[in-house]
Amino acid sequence: MRALIASLILLALPAGCGADGPPKPPADEPAPGLSVSGMVKVGVSGS
């Protein structure tokens, strides 16, 4: 059981160390053709 846990930890380490490259900030501009509009109501009603 310890070998299984140790192997899972060794497999998970590269994923937490930036193995996919350096972090990239999100783009500042909105996606083209995307718009959000509307109204939201939150509450409880009843009689």
C-alpha atoms as a PDB file:
ATOM      1  CA  MET A   1       0.000   0.000   0.000  1.00  0.00           C
ATOM      2  CA  ARG A   2       2.855   2.384   0.752  1.00  0.00           C
ATOM      3  CA  ALA A   3       4.379   1.725  -2.670  1.00  0.00           C
ATOM      4  CA  LEU A   4       1.084   2.621  -4.334  1.00  0.00           C
ATOM      5  CA  ILE A   5       0.808   5.897  -2.425  1.00  0.00           C
ATOM      6  CA  ALA A   6       4.452   6.751  -3.111  1.00  0.00           C
ATOM      7  CA  SER A   7       4.043   6.094  -6.838  1.00  0.00           C
ATOM      8  CA  LEU A   8       0.921   8.271  -6.975  1.00  0.00           C
ATOM      9  CA  ILE A   9       2.771  11.101  -5.239  1.00  0.00           C
ATOM     10  CA  LEU A  10       5.676  10.797  -7.676  1.00  0.00           C
ATOM     11  CA  LEU A  11       3.280  10.936 -10.623  1.00  0.00           C
ATOM     12  CA  ALA A  12       1.478  13.986  -9.209  1.00  0.00           C
ATOM     13  CA  LEU A  13       4.599  16.048  -8.468  1.00  0.00           C
ATOM     14  CA  PRO A  14       5.292  17.192 -12.059  1.00  0.00           C
ATOM     15  CA  ALA A  15       1.720  18.440 -12.408  1.00  0.00           C
ATOM     16  CA  GLY A  16       2.193  20.735  -9.406  1.00  0.00           C
ATOM     17  CA  CYS A  17       5.602  22.012 -10.492  1.00  0.00           C
ATOM     18  CA  GLY A  18       4.636  23.809 -13.687  1.00  0.00           C
ATOM     19  CA  ALA A  19       5.476  20.919 -15.990  1.00  0.00           C
ATOM     20  CA  ASP A  20       3.254  22.473 -18.650  1.00  0.00           C
ATOM     21  CA  GLY A  21       5.336  25.661 -18.786  1.00  0.00           C
ATOM     22  CA  PRO A  22       5.350  28.994 -16.994  1.00  0.00           C
ATOM     23  CA  PRO A  23       2.034  30.514 -15.911  1.00  0.00           C
ATOM     24  CA  LYS A  24       0.315  32.799 -18.423  1.00  0.00           C
ATOM     25  CA  PRO A  25      -1.988  35.668 -17.414  1.00  0.00           C
ATOM     26  CA  PRO A  26      -5.495  35.694 -18.909  1.00  0.00           C
ATOM     27  CA  ALA A  27      -6.180  37.899 -21.900  1.00  0.00           C
ATOM     28  CA  ASP A  28      -7.567  41.345 -21.070  1.00  0.00           C
ATOM     29  CA  GLU A  29      -9.882  41.638 -24.057  1.00  0.00           C
ATOM     30  CA  PRO A  30     -13.244  39.851 -24.086  1.00  0.00           C
ATOM     31  CA  ALA A  31     -13.883  37.007 -26.484  1.00  0.00           C
ATOM     32  CA  PRO A  32     -15.294  38.205 -29.825  1.00  0.00           C
ATOM     33  CA  GLY A  33     -19.030  37.767 -30.291  1.00  0.00           C
ATOM     34  CA  LEU A  34     -19.711  37.188 -26.600  1.00  0.00           C
ATOM     35  CA  SER A  35     -22.183  39.364 -24.752  1.00  0.00           C
ATOM     36  CA  VAL A  36     -23.932  38.881 -21.447  1.00  0.00           C
ATOM     37  CA  SER A  37     -27.104  40.715 -20.512  1.00  0.00           C
ATOM     38  CA  GLY A  38     -30.166  40.139 -18.400  1.00  0.00           C
ATOM     39  CA  MET A  39     -31.528  40.397 -14.904  1.00  0.00           C
ATOM     40  CA  VAL A  40     -31.240  38.044 -11.968  1.00  0.00           C
ATOM     41  CA  LYS A  41     -33.586  37.942  -8.991  1.00  0.00           C
ATOM     42  CA  VAL A  42     -32.791  35.953  -5.911  1.00  0.00           C
ATOM     43  CA  GLY A  43     -35.239  35.466  -3.098  1.00  0.00           C
ATOM     44  CA  VAL A  44     -38.012  33.452  -1.526  1.00  0.00           C
ATOM     45  CA  SER A  45     -41.667  34.015  -2.269  1.00  0.00           C
ATOM     46  CA  GLY A  46     -44.799  32.278  -1.158  1.00  0.00           C
ATOM     47  CA  SER A  47     -48.256  32.766   0.212  1.00  0.00           C
END
